[in-house]
Amino acid sequence: MTGSELAVEFDAAAVRLGGRTVWSDVTLGIPPGALVALLGPNGAGKSTLVKAALGLVPLSAGSASVLGRRPGQAGRNIGYLPQRRSFDVGQRMRGIDVVELGDGGERWGVPLPGAARFSSSRRAARARVDQAIELVGATAYARRPVGEVSGGEQQRLLIAQAMVRQPQLLVLDEPLDSLDLPNQAGVAALISRICRQQGVTVVLVAHDVNPILPYLDRVVYLARGGAVSGAPSEVITSDRLSSLYGMPVEVLQTSDGRRVVVGQPEAPAHHGDRHRGWPG
């Protein structure tokens, strides 16, 4: 597959932040319509790679392309969900209003003032919002205050916000973070369904690979300042992960053929911990 056919491509890319190299010599390609997990220990630079693809962090070496354009030039065709946001119990904004915010502007997470009001067709915009809400299965609670719905329901609404402009590429930064196991499983299955049914390329940052492993087409593992990418069966092996993490990591295969990763470093106790030291 040539670079022009790839949804995302990095070629010998590097990023330096604060005078330190986060990662270097990263070469990878993500084909259209694939569901790809970006994995690795905290501090490996997973979120930095996402931001580099979005054009929010400049490369210090190498090159990158996203949807056939330079990073930052395909914003309208990209849906982006940043790291977990939570809503206070007292938040009265309705779920449908949260989703509608995704239809205005091209600044990540910040709709342009008045963009929805002056769109070419308000009716078409509302139809897109309704379709996105239906896509994630949130119709039953979309008109409730977002602070009153569960964490899993909030995450579905935020995924709908990222999907409302019907993007070609969906970038999700730790969408399963802070969810309990049933909600992790439900959101992982939803993301897979969006990828397959909508033909959307999905890049998903994750700390724990197990909830999403059955759905993945490819994985990118960042560790020790570099990256390894390939099919899950090629990358998610005991030898490869132990080498990447620098500690014993065991990959078990269940009787039904599923792989389970055990012994990998645990997630930090507090979400804010991931922001200390190198960017994650």
Protein backbone atom coordinates (compact mmCIF):
# COMPACT_ATOMS: atom_id res chain seq x y z
CA MET A 1 0.00 0.00 0.00
CA THR A 2 1.42 3.39 -1.01
CA GLY A 3 1.46 6.45 1.18
CA SER A 4 -1.25 8.15 -0.88
CA GLU A 5 -3.63 5.30 0.02
CA LEU A 6 -3.00 5.49 3.76
CA ALA A 7 -5.34 7.33 6.13
CA VAL A 8 -2.43 8.20 8.45
CA GLU A 9 1.28 7.95 7.71
CA PHE A 10 4.41 8.83 9.68
CA ASP A 11 7.83 8.55 8.05
CA ALA A 12 10.95 8.68 10.26
CA ALA A 13 9.08 11.17 12.45
CA ALA A 14 10.28 12.64 15.74
CA VAL A 15 8.95 15.08 18.32
CA ARG A 16 10.90 17.11 20.86
CA LEU A 17 9.15 18.91 23.70
CA GLY A 18 10.87 20.97 26.38
CA GLY A 19 14.25 20.07 24.97
CA ARG A 20 13.62 16.33 25.30
CA THR A 21 12.92 13.81 22.56
CA VAL A 22 9.55 12.17 23.21
CA TRP A 23 9.98 9.65 20.38
CA SER A 24 11.99 9.42 17.18
CA ASP A 25 12.29 7.46 13.92
CA VAL A 26 8.59 6.55 14.04
CA THR A 27 7.44 5.03 10.74
CA LEU A 28 3.93 3.66 10.47
CA GLY A 29 0.94 3.51 8.16
CA ILE A 30 -2.76 3.16 8.94
CA PRO A 31 -4.99 1.97 6.08
CA PRO A 32 -8.47 3.45 5.51
CA GLY A 33 -11.28 1.80 7.44
CA ALA A 34 -8.97 0.15 9.99
CA LEU A 35 -9.44 0.10 13.75
CA VAL A 36 -6.01 0.77 15.25
CA ALA A 37 -4.97 0.99 18.89
CA LEU A 38 -2.13 3.22 19.99
CA LEU A 39 -0.67 1.51 23.04
CA GLY A 40 2.23 1.79 25.45
CA PRO A 41 3.19 2.71 29.01
CA ASN A 42 2.42 6.10 30.49
CA GLY A 43 4.92 8.70 29.34
CA ALA A 44 5.67 6.92 26.05
CA GLY A 45 4.13 9.75 24.00
CA LYS A 46 0.81 8.26 22.84
CA SER A 47 -1.16 11.50 23.18
CA THR A 48 1.76 13.39 21.67
CA LEU A 49 1.55 11.23 18.55
CA VAL A 50 -2.18 11.96 18.30
CA LYS A 51 -1.52 15.69 18.64
CA ALA A 52 1.19 15.48 16.00
CA ALA A 53 -1.31 13.86 13.61
CA LEU A 54 -3.81 16.64 14.35
CA GLY A 55 -1.20 19.32 13.69
CA LEU A 56 -1.23 20.48 17.32
CA VAL A 57 2.40 19.46 17.96
CA PRO A 58 5.09 20.03 15.31
CA LEU A 59 7.46 17.31 14.19
CA SER A 60 11.14 17.92 14.83
CA ALA A 61 12.14 15.45 12.11
CA GLY A 62 10.54 13.33 9.41
CA SER A 63 7.10 13.81 7.90
CA ALA A 64 3.45 12.89 8.38
CA SER A 65 0.26 12.92 6.37
CA VAL A 66 -3.36 12.57 7.43
CA LEU A 67 -6.07 11.79 4.86
CA GLY A 68 -3.57 12.69 2.15
CA ARG A 69 -2.81 16.14 3.60
CA ARG A 70 -0.36 17.68 6.02
CA PRO A 71 -1.31 17.42 9.71
CA GLY A 72 -3.76 20.14 10.65
CA GLN A 73 -5.20 20.57 7.13
CA ALA A 74 -7.96 17.93 7.22
CA GLY A 75 -9.77 19.13 10.34
CA ARG A 76 -13.27 19.02 8.90
CA ASN A 77 -12.84 15.34 8.07
CA ILE A 78 -11.56 14.33 11.51
CA GLY A 79 -13.59 13.61 14.63
CA TYR A 80 -11.55 13.99 17.82
CA LEU A 81 -12.37 12.98 21.39
CA PRO A 82 -9.72 14.24 23.87
CA GLN A 83 -8.86 12.48 27.09
CA ARG A 84 -11.78 11.82 29.42
CA ARG A 85 -13.90 14.80 30.31
CA SER A 86 -16.45 14.61 33.11
CA PHE A 87 -19.54 16.65 33.81
CA ASP A 88 -20.58 17.84 37.26
CA VAL A 89 -23.83 16.47 38.63
CA GLY A 90 -25.21 20.00 38.52
CA GLN A 91 -24.45 20.45 34.79
CA ARG A 92 -27.80 21.32 33.18
CA MET A 93 -26.68 21.24 29.53
CA ARG A 94 -28.56 18.47 27.77
CA GLY A 95 -26.86 15.60 26.00
CA ILE A 96 -28.19 16.79 22.66
CA ASP A 97 -26.57 20.19 23.26
CA VAL A 98 -23.22 18.50 23.94
CA VAL A 99 -23.47 16.60 20.66
CA GLU A 100 -24.47 19.74 18.75
CA LEU A 101 -21.25 21.46 19.83
CA GLY A 102 -19.38 19.09 17.52
CA ASP A 103 -21.07 20.54 14.44
CA GLY A 104 -19.51 23.99 14.61
CA GLY A 105 -16.02 25.17 13.67
CA GLU A 106 -12.77 23.27 13.25
CA ARG A 107 -10.90 24.12 16.44
CA TRP A 108 -10.46 20.91 18.40
CA GLY A 109 -13.03 20.86 21.20
CA VAL A 110 -13.94 24.54 20.77
CA PRO A 111 -16.79 25.30 18.35
CA LEU A 112 -16.65 28.66 16.63
CA PRO A 113 -19.18 31.14 18.11
CA GLY A 114 -22.33 31.27 16.02
CA ALA A 115 -21.18 28.54 13.62
CA ALA A 116 -24.31 26.43 14.08
CA ARG A 117 -26.62 29.46 13.95
CA PHE A 118 -25.22 30.62 10.62
CA SER A 119 -24.84 27.18 9.00
CA SER A 120 -26.30 26.76 5.52
CA SER A 121 -29.09 24.57 6.83
CA ARG A 122 -30.14 24.46 10.46
CA ARG A 123 -32.45 21.58 9.66
CA ALA A 124 -29.61 19.59 8.11
CA ALA A 125 -27.44 20.30 11.14
CA ARG A 126 -30.11 19.00 13.51
CA ALA A 127 -30.51 15.90 11.34
CA ARG A 128 -26.78 15.23 11.66
CA VAL A 129 -27.04 15.58 15.44
CA ASP A 130 -30.00 13.20 15.62
CA GLN A 131 -28.21 10.66 13.42
CA ALA A 132 -25.08 10.78 15.57
CA ILE A 133 -27.13 10.29 18.75
CA GLU A 134 -28.92 7.32 17.20
CA LEU A 135 -25.60 5.90 15.99
CA VAL A 136 -24.25 5.65 19.55
CA GLY A 137 -27.54 4.44 21.05
CA ALA A 138 -28.13 7.57 23.15
CA THR A 139 -31.62 8.57 21.97
CA ALA A 140 -33.29 7.56 25.24
CA TYR A 141 -31.29 9.99 27.38
CA ALA A 142 -30.05 12.65 24.94
CA ARG A 143 -32.50 15.25 26.22
CA ARG A 144 -31.61 14.75 29.87
CA PRO A 145 -29.08 17.01 31.62
CA VAL A 146 -25.68 15.50 30.86
CA GLY A 147 -24.68 15.71 34.53
CA GLU A 148 -27.45 13.27 35.42
CA VAL A 149 -26.50 10.40 33.10
CA SER A 150 -23.90 7.73 33.83
CA GLY A 151 -20.24 7.87 32.87
CA GLY A 152 -20.75 5.35 30.08
CA GLU A 153 -23.70 7.35 28.72
CA GLN A 154 -21.66 10.56 28.84
CA GLN A 155 -18.91 8.87 26.85
CA ARG A 156 -21.38 7.76 24.20
CA LEU A 157 -22.61 11.35 23.88
CA LEU A 158 -19.03 12.58 23.48
CA ILE A 159 -18.38 9.99 20.78
CA ALA A 160 -21.55 11.23 19.07
CA GLN A 161 -20.13 14.77 19.29
CA ALA A 162 -16.98 13.57 17.51
CA MET A 163 -19.08 11.78 14.85
CA VAL A 164 -21.63 14.52 14.15
CA ARG A 165 -19.75 15.88 11.13
CA GLN A 166 -19.50 12.37 9.67
CA PRO A 167 -15.68 12.27 9.65
CA GLN A 168 -13.44 9.98 7.66
CA LEU A 169 -11.06 9.60 10.63
CA LEU A 170 -12.08 9.23 14.27
CA VAL A 171 -9.35 9.84 16.87
CA LEU A 172 -10.17 8.80 20.44
CA ASP A 173 -7.74 9.53 23.27
CA GLU A 174 -8.31 6.96 26.05
CA PRO A 175 -12.11 6.67 25.55
CA LEU A 176 -12.33 3.77 28.03
CA ASP A 177 -10.52 5.59 30.83
CA SER A 178 -12.43 5.74 34.15
CA LEU A 179 -15.21 3.44 32.89
CA ASP A 180 -16.14 0.26 34.72
CA LEU A 181 -15.69 -3.08 32.95
CA PRO A 182 -19.24 -3.41 31.54
CA ASN A 183 -19.08 0.11 30.10
CA GLN A 184 -15.59 -0.51 28.72
CA ALA A 185 -16.93 -3.55 26.87
CA GLY A 186 -19.98 -1.65 25.61
CA VAL A 187 -18.03 1.38 24.38
CA ALA A 188 -15.36 -0.83 22.76
CA ALA A 189 -18.08 -2.71 20.85
CA LEU A 190 -19.67 0.61 19.82
CA ILE A 191 -16.38 1.93 18.46
CA SER A 192 -15.89 -1.27 16.45
CA ARG A 193 -19.42 -0.99 15.03
CA ILE A 194 -18.83 2.62 13.98
CA CYS A 195 -15.62 1.59 12.23
CA ARG A 196 -17.19 -1.33 10.35
CA GLN A 197 -20.62 0.09 9.51
CA GLN A 198 -19.61 3.68 8.78
CA GLY A 199 -16.29 2.87 7.08
CA VAL A 200 -14.49 5.27 9.43
CA THR A 201 -10.79 4.87 10.19
CA VAL A 202 -10.40 4.76 13.98
CA VAL A 203 -7.24 5.52 15.95
CA LEU A 204 -7.79 4.77 19.62
CA VAL A 205 -5.32 5.52 22.41
CA ALA A 206 -5.51 3.00 25.23
CA HIS A 207 -3.57 1.99 28.32
CA ASP A 208 -5.18 -1.43 28.70
CA VAL A 209 -5.42 -3.40 25.44
CA ASN A 210 -7.67 -6.19 26.73
CA PRO A 211 -11.14 -4.58 26.27
CA ILE A 212 -10.41 -3.65 22.65
CA LEU A 213 -8.13 -6.49 21.55
CA PRO A 214 -10.85 -8.60 19.89
CA TYR A 215 -11.78 -5.72 17.57
CA LEU A 216 -8.37 -4.51 16.41
CA ASP A 217 -6.96 -4.63 12.89
CA ARG A 218 -3.57 -3.18 13.83
CA VAL A 219 -1.71 -1.94 16.86
CA VAL A 220 1.00 0.67 17.32
CA TYR A 221 3.10 0.22 20.46
CA LEU A 222 5.12 3.18 21.70
CA ALA A 223 7.88 2.53 24.22
CA ARG A 224 11.44 3.60 24.96
CA GLY A 225 11.32 6.46 22.50
CA GLY A 226 10.27 4.42 19.47
CA ALA A 227 7.34 2.54 17.96
CA VAL A 228 6.48 -0.90 16.63
CA SER A 229 3.37 -1.46 14.51
CA GLY A 230 1.66 -4.41 12.88
CA ALA A 231 -1.18 -6.87 13.22
CA PRO A 232 -2.11 -7.76 16.83
CA SER A 233 -0.76 -11.29 16.37
CA GLU A 234 2.61 -9.86 15.32
CA VAL A 235 3.01 -7.22 18.00
CA ILE A 236 1.08 -8.55 21.00
CA THR A 237 3.36 -11.40 21.98
CA SER A 238 5.11 -12.09 25.26
CA ASP A 239 8.59 -11.56 23.83
CA ARG A 240 7.75 -8.37 21.94
CA LEU A 241 5.88 -6.70 24.82
CA SER A 242 8.44 -7.73 27.43
CA SER A 243 11.12 -6.12 25.28
CA LEU A 244 9.09 -2.95 24.75
CA TYR A 245 8.17 -2.51 28.42
CA GLY A 246 11.51 -3.64 29.79
CA MET A 247 9.75 -5.99 32.22
CA PRO A 248 8.03 -9.39 32.00
CA VAL A 249 4.69 -9.20 30.19
CA GLU A 250 2.78 -12.38 29.44
CA VAL A 251 0.29 -12.86 26.61
CA LEU A 252 -2.09 -15.77 27.19
CA GLN A 253 -4.35 -17.38 24.62
CA THR A 254 -7.74 -18.58 25.82
CA SER A 255 -9.52 -21.72 24.63
CA ASP A 256 -11.62 -19.67 22.20
CA GLY A 257 -8.55 -18.10 20.62
CA ARG A 258 -8.65 -14.72 22.38
CA ARG A 259 -5.41 -13.12 23.58
CA VAL A 260 -5.17 -11.64 27.07
CA VAL A 261 -2.28 -9.45 28.20
CA VAL A 262 -1.22 -9.87 31.83
CA GLY A 263 1.57 -8.33 33.86
CA GLN A 264 1.61 -4.96 32.08
CA PRO A 265 2.10 -1.79 34.16
CA GLU A 266 -1.06 -0.61 35.89
CA ALA A 267 -2.79 2.65 35.07
CA PRO A 268 -2.08 5.50 37.51
CA ALA A 269 -4.40 5.89 40.47
CA HIS A 270 -5.30 9.44 39.44
CA HIS A 271 -6.01 10.67 35.94
CA GLY A 272 -3.77 13.68 36.50
CA ASP A 273 -0.75 11.47 37.08
CA ARG A 274 -0.42 10.86 33.35
CA HIS A 275 0.42 14.54 32.86
CA ARG A 276 3.52 14.47 35.00
CA GLY A 277 6.88 14.02 33.33
CA TRP A 278 6.83 13.31 29.62
CA PRO A 279 3.59 13.74 27.73
CA GLY A 280 1.65 10.48 27.47
